[in-house]
PDB file of N, CA and C in Angstrom:
ATOM      1  N   MET A   1      17.895 -93.893-153.326  1.00  0.00           N
ATOM      2  CA  MET A   1      17.309 -92.903-152.439  1.00  0.00           C
ATOM      3  C   MET A   1      15.792 -93.038-152.393  1.00  0.00           C
ATOM      4  N   THR A   2      15.195 -93.338-153.544  1.00  0.00           N
ATOM      5  CA  THR A   2      13.736 -93.476-153.556  1.00  0.00           C
ATOM      6  C   THR A   2      13.287 -94.699-152.763  1.00  0.00           C
ATOM      7  N   GLU A   3      14.149 -95.713-152.688  1.00  0.00           N
ATOM      8  CA  GLU A   3      13.799 -96.897-151.905  1.00  0.00           C
ATOM      9  C   GLU A   3      13.651 -96.546-150.428  1.00  0.00           C
ATOM     10  N   ILE A   4      14.534 -95.683-149.946  1.00  0.00           N
ATOM     11  CA  ILE A   4      14.462 -95.269-148.545  1.00  0.00           C
ATOM     12  C   ILE A   4      13.173 -94.506-148.286  1.00  0.00           C
ATOM     13  N   ILE A   5      12.791 -93.649-149.209  1.00  0.00           N
ATOM     14  CA  ILE A   5      11.549 -92.883-149.063  1.00  0.00           C
ATOM     15  C   ILE A   5      10.351 -93.826-149.046  1.00  0.00           C
ATOM     16  N   LYS A   6      10.367 -94.829-149.912  1.00  0.00           N
ATOM     17  CA  LYS A   6       9.265 -95.795-149.942  1.00  0.00           C
ATOM     18  C   LYS A   6       9.161 -96.542-148.612  1.00  0.00           C
ATOM     19  N   LEU A   7      10.299 -96.967-148.080  1.00  0.00           N
ATOM     20  CA  LEU A   7      10.293 -97.670-146.793  1.00  0.00           C
ATOM     21  C   LEU A   7       9.832 -96.754-145.658  1.00  0.00           C
ATOM     22  N   LEU A   8      10.237 -95.490-145.700  1.00  0.00           N
ATOM     23  CA  LEU A   8       9.795 -94.538-144.682  1.00  0.00           C
ATOM     24  C   LEU A   8       8.288 -94.309-144.754  1.00  0.00           C
ATOM     25  N   VAL A   9       7.736 -94.309-145.971  1.00  0.00           N
ATOM     26  CA  VAL A   9       6.286 -94.168-146.122  1.00  0.00           C
ATOM     27  C   VAL A   9       5.581 -95.366-145.493  1.00  0.00           C
ATOM     28  N   VAL A  10       6.097 -96.568-145.730  1.00  0.00           N
ATOM     29  CA  VAL A  10       5.490 -97.766-145.145  1.00  0.00           C
ATOM     30  C   VAL A  10       5.576 -97.712-143.618  1.00  0.00           C
ATOM     31  N   ILE A  11       6.715 -97.294-143.086  1.00  0.00           N
ATOM     32  CA  ILE A  11       6.855 -97.170-141.632  1.00  0.00           C
ATOM     33  C   ILE A  11       5.886 -96.136-141.087  1.00  0.00           C
ATOM     34  N   ALA A  12       5.717 -95.028-141.811  1.00  0.00           N
ATOM     35  CA  ALA A  12       4.765 -93.997-141.379  1.00  0.00           C
ATOM     36  C   ALA A  12       3.338 -94.538-141.374  1.00  0.00           C
ATOM     37  N   VAL A  13       2.998 -95.340-142.383  1.00  0.00           N
ATOM     38  CA  VAL A  13       1.661 -95.946-142.428  1.00  0.00           C
ATOM     39  C   VAL A  13       1.476 -96.893-141.243  1.00  0.00           C
ATOM     40  N   ILE A  14       2.495 -97.670-140.931  1.00  0.00           N
ATOM     41  CA  ILE A  14       2.420 -98.593-139.793  1.00  0.00           C
ATOM     42  C   ILE A  14       2.179 -97.817-138.498  1.00  0.00           C
ATOM     43  N   ILE A  15       2.945 -96.760-138.286  1.00  0.00           N
ATOM     44  CA  ILE A  15       2.781 -95.953-137.069  1.00  0.00           C
ATOM     45  C   ILE A  15       1.399 -95.319-137.026  1.00  0.00           C
ATOM     46  N   PHE A  16       0.943 -94.810-138.173  1.00  0.00           N
ATOM     47  CA  PHE A  16      -0.387 -94.198-138.236  1.00  0.00           C
ATOM     48  C   PHE A  16      -1.470 -95.206-137.866  1.00  0.00           C
ATOM     49  N   LEU A  17      -1.380 -96.406-138.421  1.00  0.00           N
ATOM     50  CA  LEU A  17      -2.398 -97.423-138.142  1.00  0.00           C
ATOM     51  C   LEU A  17      -2.348 -97.905-136.694  1.00  0.00           C
ATOM     52  N   ILE A  18      -1.157 -97.972-136.118  1.00  0.00           N
ATOM     53  CA  ILE A  18      -1.046 -98.344-134.703  1.00  0.00           C
ATOM     54  C   ILE A  18      -1.720 -97.288-133.836  1.00  0.00           C
ATOM     55  N   ARG A  19      -1.508 -96.024-134.176  1.00  0.00           N
ATOM     56  CA  ARG A  19      -2.148 -94.947-133.401  1.00  0.00           C
ATOM     57  C   ARG A  19      -3.656 -94.921-133.586  1.00  0.00           C
ATOM     58  N   ARG A  20      -4.130 -95.433-134.719  1.00  0.00           N
ATOM     59  CA  ARG A  20      -5.571 -95.505-134.963  1.00  0.00           C
ATOM     60  C   ARG A  20      -6.175 -96.761-134.344  1.00  0.00           C
ATOM     61  N   LYS A  21      -5.373 -97.498-133.570  1.00  0.00           N
ATOM     62  CA  LYS A  21      -5.814 -98.679-132.815  1.00  0.00           C
ATOM     63  C   LYS A  21      -6.209 -99.860-133.704  1.00  0.00           C
ATOM     64  N   TRP A  22      -5.563 -99.981-134.875  1.00  0.00           N
ATOM     65  CA  TRP A  22      -5.776-101.166-135.697  1.00  0.00           C
ATOM     66  C   TRP A  22      -5.135-102.351-134.997  1.00  0.00           C
ATOM     67  N   LYS A  23      -5.658-103.527-135.279  1.00  0.00           N
ATOM     68  CA  LYS A  23      -5.050-104.742-134.727  1.00  0.00           C
ATOM     69  C   LYS A  23      -3.698-104.964-135.397  1.00  0.00           C
ATOM     70  N   LEU A  24      -2.742-105.382-134.589  1.00  0.00           N
ATOM     71  CA  LEU A  24      -1.377-105.548-135.077  1.00  0.00           C
ATOM     72  C   LEU A  24      -1.287-106.606-136.175  1.00  0.00           C
ATOM     73  N   GLY A  25      -2.117-107.622-136.090  1.00  0.00           N
ATOM     74  CA  GLY A  25      -2.122-108.660-137.122  1.00  0.00           C
ATOM     75  C   GLY A  25      -2.487-108.113-138.489  1.00  0.00           C
ATOM     76  N   TYR A  26      -3.482-107.222-138.531  1.00  0.00           N
ATOM     77  CA  TYR A  26      -3.879-106.613-139.800  1.00  0.00           C
ATOM     78  C   TYR A  26      -2.757-105.739-140.356  1.00  0.00           C
ATOM     79  N   ILE A  27      -2.101-105.014-139.465  1.00  0.00           N
ATOM     80  CA  ILE A  27      -1.003-104.149-139.899  1.00  0.00           C
ATOM     81  C   ILE A  27       0.140-104.992-140.450  1.00  0.00           C
ATOM     82  N   MET A  28       0.416-106.122-139.787  1.00  0.00           N
ATOM     83  CA  MET A  28       1.499-106.993-140.241  1.00  0.00           C
ATOM     84  C   MET A  28       1.180-107.647-141.583  1.00  0.00           C
ATOM     85  N   LEU A  29      -0.089-107.791-141.900  1.00  0.00           N
ATOM     86  CA  LEU A  29      -0.463-108.311-143.213  1.00  0.00           C
ATOM     87  C   LEU A  29      -0.439-107.221-144.278  1.00  0.00           C
ATOM     88  N   LEU A  30      -0.780-106.008-143.885  1.00  0.00           N
ATOM     89  CA  LEU A  30      -0.857-104.907-144.838  1.00  0.00           C
ATOM     90  C   LEU A  30       0.523-104.382-145.230  1.00  0.00           C
ATOM     91  N   ALA A  31       1.445-104.312-144.292  1.00  0.00           N
ATOM     92  CA  ALA A  31       2.765-103.730-144.546  1.00  0.00           C
ATOM     93  C   ALA A  31       3.525-104.425-145.684  1.00  0.00           C
ATOM     94  N   PRO A  32       3.611-105.752-145.710  1.00  0.00           N
ATOM     95  CA  PRO A  32       4.317-106.384-146.832  1.00  0.00           C
ATOM     96  C   PRO A  32       3.620-106.156-148.171  1.00  0.00           C
ATOM     97  N   LEU A  33       2.297-106.072-148.138  1.00  0.00           N
ATOM     98  CA  LEU A  33       1.580-105.789-149.383  1.00  0.00           C
ATOM     99  C   LEU A  33       1.921-104.393-149.890  1.00  0.00           C
ATOM    100  N   LEU A  34       1.989-103.427-148.979  1.00  0.00           N
ATOM    101  CA  LEU A  34       2.378-102.070-149.374  1.00  0.00           C
ATOM    102  C   LEU A  34       3.793-102.045-149.936  1.00  0.00           C
ATOM    103  N   ILE A  35       4.690-102.761-149.296  1.00  0.00           N
ATOM    104  CA  ILE A  35       6.069-102.820-149.790  1.00  0.00           C
ATOM    105  C   ILE A  35       6.100-103.425-151.186  1.00  0.00           C
ATOM    106  N   GLY A  36       5.339-104.491-151.391  1.00  0.00           N
ATOM    107  CA  GLY A  36       5.279-105.113-152.713  1.00  0.00           C
ATOM    108  C   GLY A  36       4.748-104.170-153.768  1.00  0.00           C
ATOM    109  N   VAL A  37       3.719-103.416-153.433  1.00  0.00           N
ATOM    110  CA  VAL A  37       3.144-102.464-154.387  1.00  0.00           C
ATOM    111  C   VAL A  37       4.128-101.331-154.667  1.00  0.00           C
ATOM    112  N   PHE A  38       4.753-100.788-153.619  1.00  0.00           N
ATOM    113  CA  PHE A  38       5.688 -99.676-153.803  1.00  0.00           C
ATOM    114  C   PHE A  38       6.914-100.072-154.618  1.00  0.00           C
ATOM    115  N   PHE A  39       7.316-101.334-154.526  1.00  0.00           N
ATOM    116  CA  PHE A  39       8.495-101.786-155.253  1.00  0.00           C
ATOM    117  C   PHE A  39       8.132-102.509-156.552  1.00  0.00           C
ATOM    118  N   ASP A  40       6.928-102.259-157.051  1.00  0.00           N
ATOM    119  CA  ASP A  40       6.462-102.741-158.361  1.00  0.00           C
ATOM    120  C   ASP A  40       6.538-104.257-158.522  1.00  0.00           C
ATOM    121  N   LEU A  41       6.182-104.989-157.489  1.00  0.00           N
ATOM    122  CA  LEU A  41       6.107-106.442-157.603  1.00  0.00           C
ATOM    123  C   LEU A  41       4.718-106.824-158.099  1.00  0.00           C
ATOM    124  N   SER A  42       4.664-107.857-158.907  1.00  0.00           N
ATOM    125  CA  SER A  42       3.366-108.334-159.386  1.00  0.00           C
ATOM    126  C   SER A  42       2.676-109.104-158.261  1.00  0.00           C
ATOM    127  N   PRO A  43       1.352-109.264-158.358  1.00  0.00           N
ATOM    128  CA  PRO A  43       0.652-110.045-157.331  1.00  0.00           C
ATOM    129  C   PRO A  43       1.203-111.466-157.191  1.00  0.00           C
ATOM    130  N   VAL A  44       1.644-112.054-158.297  1.00  0.00           N
ATOM    131  CA  VAL A  44       2.223-113.402-158.242  1.00  0.00           C
ATOM    132  C   VAL A  44       3.528-113.386-157.449  1.00  0.00           C
ATOM    133  N   GLN A  45       4.359-112.383-157.687  1.00  0.00           N
ATOM    134  CA  GLN A  45       5.621-112.282-156.949  1.00  0.00           C
ATOM    135  C   GLN A  45       5.372-112.050-155.460  1.00  0.00           C
ATOM    136  N   ILE A  46       4.388-111.214-155.145  1.00  0.00           N
ATOM    137  CA  ILE A  46       4.052-110.974-153.742  1.00  0.00           C
ATOM    138  C   ILE A  46       3.588-112.275-153.092  1.00  0.00           C
ATOM    139  N   GLY A  47       2.742-113.025-153.797  1.00  0.00           N
ATOM    140  CA  GLY A  47       2.266-114.310-153.275  1.00  0.00           C
ATOM    141  C   GLY A  47       3.399-115.295-153.050  1.00  0.00           C
ATOM    142  N   LYS A  48       4.328-115.371-154.011  1.00  0.00           N
ATOM    143  CA  LYS A  48       5.484-116.265-153.855  1.00  0.00           C
ATOM    144  C   LYS A  48       6.331-115.866-152.652  1.00  0.00           C
ATOM    145  N   ASN A  49       6.546-114.562-152.485  1.00  0.00           N
ATOM    146  CA  ASN A  49       7.334-114.091-151.342  1.00  0.00           C
ATOM    147  C   ASN A  49       6.657-114.423-150.022  1.00  0.00           C
ATOM    148  N   ILE A  50       5.337-114.310-149.981  1.00  0.00           N
ATOM    149  CA  ILE A  50       4.601-114.643-148.762  1.00  0.00           C
ATOM    150  C   ILE A  50       4.741-116.128-148.451  1.00  0.00           C
ATOM    151  N   ILE A  51       4.600-116.966-149.477  1.00  0.00           N
ATOM    152  CA  ILE A  51       4.726-118.414-149.273  1.00  0.00           C
ATOM    153  C   ILE A  51       6.137-118.774-148.806  1.00  0.00           C
ATOM    154  N   TRP A  52       7.155-118.193-149.443  1.00  0.00           N
ATOM    155  CA  TRP A  52       8.531-118.478-149.039  1.00  0.00           C
ATOM    156  C   TRP A  52       8.785-118.015-147.610  1.00  0.00           C
ATOM    157  N   ALA A  53       8.199-116.879-147.233  1.00  0.00           N
ATOM    158  CA  ALA A  53       8.374-116.386-145.861  1.00  0.00           C
ATOM    159  C   ALA A  53       7.695-117.309-144.857  1.00  0.00           C
ATOM    160  N   LEU A  54       6.555-117.878-145.236  1.00  0.00           N
ATOM    161  CA  LEU A  54       5.823-118.747-144.315  1.00  0.00           C
ATOM    162  C   LEU A  54       6.516-120.084-144.083  1.00  0.00           C
ATOM    163  N   ILE A  55       7.244-120.570-145.085  1.00  0.00           N
ATOM    164  CA  ILE A  55       7.902-121.869-144.930  1.00  0.00           C
ATOM    165  C   ILE A  55       9.383-121.740-144.571  1.00  0.00           C
ATOM    166  N   ASP A  56       9.851-120.511-144.391  1.00  0.00           N
ATOM    167  CA  ASP A  56      11.241-120.286-144.004  1.00  0.00           C
ATOM    168  C   ASP A  56      11.475-120.832-142.591  1.00  0.00           C
ATOM    169  N   PRO A  57      12.564-121.556-142.376  1.00  0.00           N
ATOM    170  CA  PRO A  57      12.817-122.131-141.049  1.00  0.00           C
ATOM    171  C   PRO A  57      12.856-121.089-139.923  1.00  0.00           C
ATOM    172  N   MET A  58      13.398-119.918-140.193  1.00  0.00           N
ATOM    173  CA  MET A  58      13.457-118.882-139.155  1.00  0.00           C
ATOM    174  C   MET A  58      12.050-118.435-138.761  1.00  0.00           C
ATOM    175  N   THR A  59      11.158-118.301-139.741  1.00  0.00           N
ATOM    176  CA  THR A  59       9.777-117.920-139.446  1.00  0.00           C
ATOM    177  C   THR A  59       9.104-118.987-138.602  1.00  0.00           C
ATOM    178  N   LEU A  60       9.315-120.239-138.955  1.00  0.00           N
ATOM    179  CA  LEU A  60       8.703-121.329-138.195  1.00  0.00           C
ATOM    180  C   LEU A  60       9.234-121.376-136.763  1.00  0.00           C
ATOM    181  N   LYS A  61      10.530-121.101-136.587  1.00  0.00           N
ATOM    182  CA  LYS A  61      11.094-121.060-135.236  1.00  0.00           C
ATOM    183  C   LYS A  61      10.474-119.924-134.425  1.00  0.00           C
ATOM    184  N   LEU A  62      10.331-118.755-135.049  1.00  0.00           N
ATOM    185  CA  LEU A  62       9.738-117.617-134.343  1.00  0.00           C
ATOM    186  C   LEU A  62       8.289-117.886-133.964  1.00  0.00           C
ATOM    187  N   ILE A  63       7.544-118.512-134.864  1.00  0.00           N
ATOM    188  CA  ILE A  63       6.154-118.869-134.557  1.00  0.00           C
ATOM    189  C   ILE A  63       6.121-119.850-133.388  1.00  0.00           C
ATOM    190  N   GLY A  64       7.026-120.820-133.402  1.00  0.00           N
ATOM    191  CA  GLY A  64       7.099-121.775-132.299  1.00  0.00           C
ATOM    192  C   GLY A  64       7.411-121.098-130.974  1.00  0.00           C
ATOM    193  N   ILE A  65       8.331-120.146-130.988  1.00  0.00           N
ATOM    194  CA  ILE A  65       8.678-119.421-129.762  1.00  0.00           C
ATOM    195  C   ILE A  65       7.477-118.639-129.246  1.00  0.00           C
ATOM    196  N   ILE A  66       6.768-117.965-130.145  1.00  0.00           N
ATOM    197  CA  ILE A  66       5.592-117.188-129.739  1.00  0.00           C
ATOM    198  C   ILE A  66       4.532-118.098-129.131  1.00  0.00           C
ATOM    199  N   ILE A  67       4.313-119.244-129.745  1.00  0.00           N
ATOM    200  CA  ILE A  67       3.315-120.188-129.220  1.00  0.00           C
ATOM    201  C   ILE A  67       3.732-120.694-127.843  1.00  0.00           C
ATOM    202  N   LEU A  68       5.014-121.023-127.679  1.00  0.00           N
ATOM    203  CA  LEU A  68       5.482-121.508-126.377  1.00  0.00           C
ATOM    204  C   LEU A  68       5.368-120.439-125.288  1.00  0.00           C
ATOM    205  N   VAL A  69       5.660-119.187-125.627  1.00  0.00           N
ATOM    206  CA  VAL A  69       5.506-118.104-124.651  1.00  0.00           C
ATOM    207  C   VAL A  69       4.043-117.951-124.271  1.00  0.00           C
ATOM    208  N   TYR A  70       3.158-118.066-125.251  1.00  0.00           N
ATOM    209  CA  TYR A  70       1.718-117.969-124.980  1.00  0.00           C
ATOM    210  C   TYR A  70       1.260-119.105-124.056  1.00  0.00           C
ATOM    211  N   ILE A  71       1.745-120.311-124.321  1.00  0.00           N
ATOM    212  CA  ILE A  71       1.390-121.459-123.472  1.00  0.00           C
ATOM    213  C   ILE A  71       1.935-121.264-122.060  1.00  0.00           C
ATOM    214  N   LEU A  72       3.192-120.815-121.948  1.00  0.00           N
ATOM    215  CA  LEU A  72       3.784-120.571-120.632  1.00  0.00           C
ATOM    216  C   LEU A  72       3.003-119.508-119.870  1.00  0.00           C
ATOM    217  N   SER A  73       2.576-118.478-120.559  1.00  0.00           N
ATOM    218  CA  SER A  73       1.767-117.432-119.928  1.00  0.00           C
ATOM    219  C   SER A  73       0.465-118.004-119.387  1.00  0.00           C
ATOM    220  N   GLY A  74      -0.180-118.863-120.162  1.00  0.00           N
ATOM    221  CA  GLY A  74      -1.422-119.484-119.708  1.00  0.00           C
ATOM    222  C   GLY A  74      -1.213-120.378-118.505  1.00  0.00           C
ATOM    223  N   VAL A  75      -0.122-121.144-118.517  1.00  0.00           N
ATOM    224  CA  VAL A  75       0.171-122.031-117.386  1.00  0.00           C
ATOM    225  C   VAL A  75       0.451-121.208-116.133  1.00  0.00           C
ATOM    226  N   LEU A  76       1.264-120.158-116.268  1.00  0.00           N
ATOM    227  CA  LEU A  76       1.579-119.325-115.108  1.00  0.00           C
ATOM    228  C   LEU A  76       0.339-118.607-114.583  1.00  0.00           C
ATOM    229  N   ARG A  77      -0.555-118.245-115.466  1.00  0.00           N
ATOM    230  CA  ARG A  77      -1.788-117.592-115.035  1.00  0.00           C
ATOM    231  C   ARG A  77      -2.652-118.571-114.244  1.00  0.00           C
ATOM    232  N   LYS A  78      -2.694-119.818-114.703  1.00  0.00           N
ATOM    233  CA  LYS A  78      -3.473-120.829-113.989  1.00  0.00           C
ATOM    234  C   LYS A  78      -2.890-121.083-112.603  1.00  0.00           C
ATOM    235  N   VAL A  79      -1.582-121.104-112.528  1.00  0.00           N
ATOM    236  CA  VAL A  79      -0.916-121.373-111.265  1.00  0.00           C
ATOM    237  C   VAL A  79      -0.833-120.092-110.418  1.00  0.00           C
ATOM    238  N   GLU A  80      -1.203-118.994-111.005  1.00  0.00           N
ATOM    239  CA  GLU A  80      -1.176-117.675-110.373  1.00  0.00           C
ATOM    240  C   GLU A  80       0.244-117.256-109.997  1.00  0.00           C
ATOM    241  N   SER A  81       1.201-117.681-110.784  1.00  0.00           N
ATOM    242  CA  SER A  81       2.590-117.300-110.553  1.00  0.00           C
ATOM    243  C   SER A  81       2.985-116.101-111.397  1.00  0.00           C
ATOM    244  N   LEU A  82       2.171-115.767-112.386  1.00  0.00           N
ATOM    245  CA  LEU A  82       2.535-114.683-113.293  1.00  0.00           C
ATOM    246  C   LEU A  82       2.651-113.364-112.538  1.00  0.00           C
ATOM    247  N   LYS A  83       1.751-113.103-111.616  1.00  0.00           N
ATOM    248  CA  LYS A  83       1.793-111.861-110.843  1.00  0.00           C
ATOM    249  C   LYS A  83       3.065-111.806-110.003  1.00  0.00           C
ATOM    250  N   ASP A  84       3.427-112.915-109.375  1.00  0.00           N
ATOM    251  CA  ASP A  84       4.650-112.959-108.566  1.00  0.00           C
ATOM    252  C   ASP A  84       5.884-112.731-109.430  1.00  0.00           C
ATOM    253  N   LEU A  85       5.882-113.310-110.628  1.00  0.00           N
ATOM    254  CA  LEU A  85       7.009-113.160-111.539  1.00  0.00           C
ATOM    255  C   LEU A  85       7.158-111.710-111.973  1.00  0.00           C
ATOM    256  N   VAL A  86       6.057-111.067-112.329  1.00  0.00           N
ATOM    257  CA  VAL A  86       6.092-109.663-112.745  1.00  0.00           C
ATOM    258  C   VAL A  86       6.516-108.779-111.580  1.00  0.00           C
ATOM    259  N   ASP A  87       6.011-109.053-110.397  1.00  0.00           N
ATOM    260  CA  ASP A  87       6.385-108.265-109.216  1.00  0.00           C
ATOM    261  C   ASP A  87       7.874-108.393-108.903  1.00  0.00           C
ATOM    262  N   SER A  88       8.437-109.569-109.108  1.00  0.00           N
ATOM    263  CA  SER A  88       9.858-109.761-108.820  1.00  0.00           C
ATOM    264  C   SER A  88      10.736-109.025-109.825  1.00  0.00           C
ATOM    265  N   LEU A  89      10.221-108.758-111.019  1.00  0.00           N
ATOM    266  CA  LEU A  89      10.992-108.034-112.026  1.00  0.00           C
ATOM    267  C   LEU A  89      10.990-106.532-111.781  1.00  0.00           C
ATOM    268  N   GLN A  90      10.063-106.049-110.980  1.00  0.00           N
ATOM    269  CA  GLN A  90       9.972-104.596-110.753  1.00  0.00           C
ATOM    270  C   GLN A  90      10.832-104.124-109.640  1.00  0.00           C
TER     271      GLN A  90
END
């Protein structure tokens, strides 16, 4: 039960920081650190978990997808097709 409360506190902190207009990247770095602290992980364990998360194949695939979407957005903006695409979705 206490684990759920700890996770709810972290979610509340995330929502609070988003409302305070923090950059999402900073929040995404802070949240796992808070989880590590709340669940009594040592700094070494937190570091190992971060490294394992960074080299996980699923993480690398997601990073690749985000980069490709960013590149596609830039190409469509150059070609000025992005506005037409958004208009067609509405």
